[in-house]
Amino acid sequence: GEQIFNYEEFLTLTAQVEAILNSRPLTPLSSDPTELDYLTPGHFLTGGPLIALPELQWEGIPSNRLSRWQLVQSVTQNFWRRWHQEYLHTLQQRSKWPTLQNNLKIGDLVLIHEPNTPPLSWRMGRITSTSPGPDGLVRVVHLNTSRGPLSRAITKVSPLPIDD
């Protein structure tokens, strides 16, 4: 249902939404393929990345069973979910029929989709190799992350919107 927040609750919610928006990656900080750090709008505001601790999941719990703090967190998580579904997926747009899109390539910096993960904890990865399908288009990428190497289907990563 609709909730009316007091000043402090609204200020907290606004600060958390601001941190989510200002934590989106803009571009890599270095052209070094082993470097996974990236520039965010938060760097311009605070001189470094904005970091938030993961929160417990409060979505799906009736609002009348939540404390005021939990309610603010639930609204923040709802914002994150909508921002994820409505904005982050636009980074992954791929034209299926009319035009051929550029393949992901070695050295590209990507966001790794991790379902059921709190807002600021998606990992970044740099593509170290690719596996094309029978049509010659990249279908799987092999990544280097801060936790080590891994492989993902291209539908599970979003390249950063960087113009070469």
Protein backbone atom coordinates (compact mmCIF):
# COMPACT_ATOMS: atom_id res chain seq x y z
CA GLY A 1 0.00 0.00 0.00
CA GLU A 2 0.87 3.65 -0.07
CA GLN A 3 2.93 4.92 2.84
CA ILE A 4 3.58 8.43 4.08
CA PHE A 5 7.15 8.89 5.28
CA ASN A 6 8.30 11.44 7.82
CA TYR A 7 11.18 13.76 6.94
CA GLU A 8 13.98 11.48 8.23
CA GLU A 9 12.55 8.40 6.51
CA PHE A 10 12.14 10.27 3.23
CA LEU A 11 15.68 11.65 3.50
CA THR A 12 17.03 8.12 4.07
CA LEU A 13 15.07 6.76 1.11
CA THR A 14 16.25 9.60 -1.13
CA ALA A 15 19.90 9.07 -0.12
CA GLN A 16 19.65 5.34 -0.85
CA VAL A 17 18.05 5.90 -4.26
CA GLU A 18 20.74 8.50 -5.01
CA ALA A 19 23.44 5.97 -4.09
CA ILE A 20 21.88 3.37 -6.41
CA LEU A 21 21.76 5.80 -9.33
CA ASN A 22 25.24 7.20 -8.68
CA SER A 23 26.81 3.75 -8.44
CA ARG A 24 26.15 2.76 -12.03
CA PRO A 25 29.36 2.19 -13.97
CA LEU A 26 30.22 4.72 -16.66
CA THR A 27 33.60 3.62 -17.99
CA PRO A 28 36.68 1.66 -16.90
CA LEU A 29 39.23 3.64 -14.88
CA SER A 30 42.06 2.04 -16.83
CA SER A 31 42.63 0.43 -20.21
CA ASP A 32 44.58 -2.33 -18.44
CA PRO A 33 42.66 -5.58 -19.12
CA THR A 34 43.42 -6.91 -15.63
CA GLU A 35 41.94 -3.82 -13.95
CA LEU A 36 38.26 -4.15 -12.97
CA ASP A 37 37.66 -0.74 -11.36
CA TYR A 38 35.26 1.60 -13.09
CA LEU A 39 34.25 5.25 -12.95
CA THR A 40 30.81 6.08 -11.52
CA PRO A 41 28.94 9.36 -11.01
CA GLY A 42 29.72 8.84 -7.31
CA HIS A 43 33.41 9.46 -8.06
CA PHE A 44 32.52 13.03 -9.07
CA LEU A 45 30.45 13.55 -5.92
CA THR A 46 32.67 11.95 -3.26
CA GLY A 47 35.99 11.28 -4.97
CA GLY A 48 35.44 7.51 -4.81
CA PRO A 49 32.83 4.83 -5.36
CA LEU A 50 29.66 4.81 -3.27
CA ILE A 51 29.49 1.58 -1.30
CA ALA A 52 26.44 0.26 0.53
CA LEU A 53 26.18 -2.84 2.64
CA PRO A 54 23.74 -5.47 1.33
CA GLU A 55 20.39 -5.34 3.07
CA LEU A 56 18.02 -8.14 3.97
CA GLN A 57 15.19 -8.63 1.48
CA TRP A 58 11.96 -7.01 2.69
CA GLU A 59 9.98 -7.12 -0.54
CA GLY A 60 6.96 -9.38 -0.47
CA ILE A 61 6.34 -8.96 3.26
CA PRO A 62 3.08 -7.10 4.00
CA SER A 63 3.86 -3.50 4.93
CA ASN A 64 1.83 -3.72 8.14
CA ARG A 65 4.32 -6.32 9.44
CA LEU A 66 7.40 -4.16 8.82
CA SER A 67 9.02 -1.62 11.13
CA ARG A 68 9.45 1.86 9.69
CA TRP A 69 13.13 1.14 8.88
CA GLN A 70 12.19 -2.11 7.15
CA LEU A 71 9.50 -0.26 5.20
CA VAL A 72 12.03 2.29 3.91
CA GLN A 73 14.33 -0.60 2.93
CA SER A 74 11.44 -2.34 1.16
CA VAL A 75 10.68 0.79 -0.89
CA THR A 76 14.40 1.12 -1.73
CA GLN A 77 14.50 -2.51 -2.87
CA ASN A 78 11.36 -1.95 -4.95
CA PHE A 79 13.08 1.03 -6.60
CA TRP A 80 16.16 -1.12 -7.26
CA ARG A 81 14.05 -3.88 -8.82
CA ARG A 82 12.25 -1.42 -11.11
CA TRP A 83 15.48 0.39 -12.01
CA HIS A 84 17.08 -2.97 -12.78
CA GLN A 85 14.18 -4.10 -14.97
CA GLU A 86 13.55 -0.81 -16.72
CA TYR A 87 17.04 0.73 -17.07
CA LEU A 88 19.76 -1.89 -16.76
CA HIS A 89 18.10 -4.12 -19.32
CA THR A 90 18.37 -1.28 -21.86
CA LEU A 91 22.16 -1.73 -21.64
CA GLN A 92 21.65 -5.26 -22.90
CA GLN A 93 19.42 -4.48 -25.87
CA ARG A 94 20.26 -6.61 -28.83
CA SER A 95 18.50 -6.28 -32.15
CA LYS A 96 17.26 -9.70 -33.06
CA TRP A 97 16.05 -9.26 -36.59
CA PRO A 98 16.85 -6.11 -38.58
CA THR A 99 20.51 -5.37 -37.82
CA LEU A 100 23.53 -7.28 -36.63
CA GLN A 101 25.03 -5.98 -33.39
CA ASN A 102 28.73 -5.84 -32.58
CA ASN A 103 29.99 -8.97 -30.86
CA LEU A 104 31.35 -8.71 -27.36
CA LYS A 105 35.12 -8.78 -27.59
CA ILE A 106 38.16 -9.52 -25.48
CA GLY A 107 38.88 -6.64 -23.12
CA ASP A 108 35.27 -5.41 -22.83
CA LEU A 109 34.15 -4.53 -19.30
CA VAL A 110 30.73 -5.96 -18.41
CA LEU A 111 28.25 -6.10 -15.53
CA ILE A 112 27.54 -9.68 -14.48
CA HIS A 113 23.84 -10.32 -13.84
CA GLU A 114 23.33 -11.99 -10.48
CA PRO A 115 19.68 -12.69 -9.64
CA ASN A 116 18.41 -12.04 -6.12
CA THR A 117 21.43 -9.89 -5.33
CA PRO A 118 21.22 -6.60 -3.42
CA PRO A 119 21.64 -3.44 -5.49
CA LEU A 120 25.29 -2.53 -5.23
CA SER A 121 26.82 -5.98 -5.22
CA TRP A 122 26.79 -6.95 -8.90
CA ARG A 123 30.31 -7.77 -9.98
CA MET A 124 32.24 -6.35 -12.87
CA GLY A 125 34.16 -8.59 -15.20
CA ARG A 126 36.54 -8.16 -18.09
CA ILE A 127 36.19 -10.52 -21.05
CA THR A 128 39.29 -12.70 -21.46
CA SER A 129 37.98 -14.94 -24.27
CA THR A 130 34.80 -15.68 -26.20
CA SER A 131 33.06 -18.79 -27.50
CA PRO A 132 31.12 -18.29 -30.73
CA GLY A 133 28.10 -20.32 -31.75
CA PRO A 134 27.72 -22.11 -35.11
CA ASP A 135 26.67 -18.80 -36.68
CA GLY A 136 29.95 -17.17 -35.68
CA LEU A 137 28.34 -14.85 -33.14
CA VAL A 138 29.59 -14.80 -29.56
CA ARG A 139 27.31 -16.89 -27.32
CA VAL A 140 29.46 -17.34 -24.18
CA VAL A 141 32.08 -15.08 -22.64
CA HIS A 142 34.88 -16.06 -20.29
CA LEU A 143 35.52 -13.38 -17.69
CA ASN A 144 38.09 -12.34 -15.15
CA THR A 145 36.46 -11.00 -11.97
CA SER A 146 37.70 -9.93 -8.57
CA ARG A 147 36.83 -13.44 -7.34
CA GLY A 148 38.51 -15.27 -10.21
CA PRO A 149 37.56 -16.49 -13.67
CA LEU A 150 34.06 -17.54 -14.74
CA SER A 151 31.96 -18.07 -17.86
CA ARG A 152 28.53 -16.62 -18.66
CA ALA A 153 26.10 -16.64 -21.56
CA ILE A 154 25.92 -13.24 -23.24
CA THR A 155 22.35 -12.89 -21.97
CA LYS A 156 23.73 -12.83 -18.40
CA VAL A 157 26.10 -9.89 -18.93
CA SER A 158 25.64 -6.27 -19.94
CA PRO A 159 28.46 -4.40 -21.64
CA LEU A 160 29.12 -0.93 -20.31
CA PRO A 161 27.80 1.72 -22.71
CA ILE A 162 31.24 2.96 -23.73
CA ASP A 163 31.86 4.48 -27.15
CA ASP A 164 35.15 3.27 -28.62
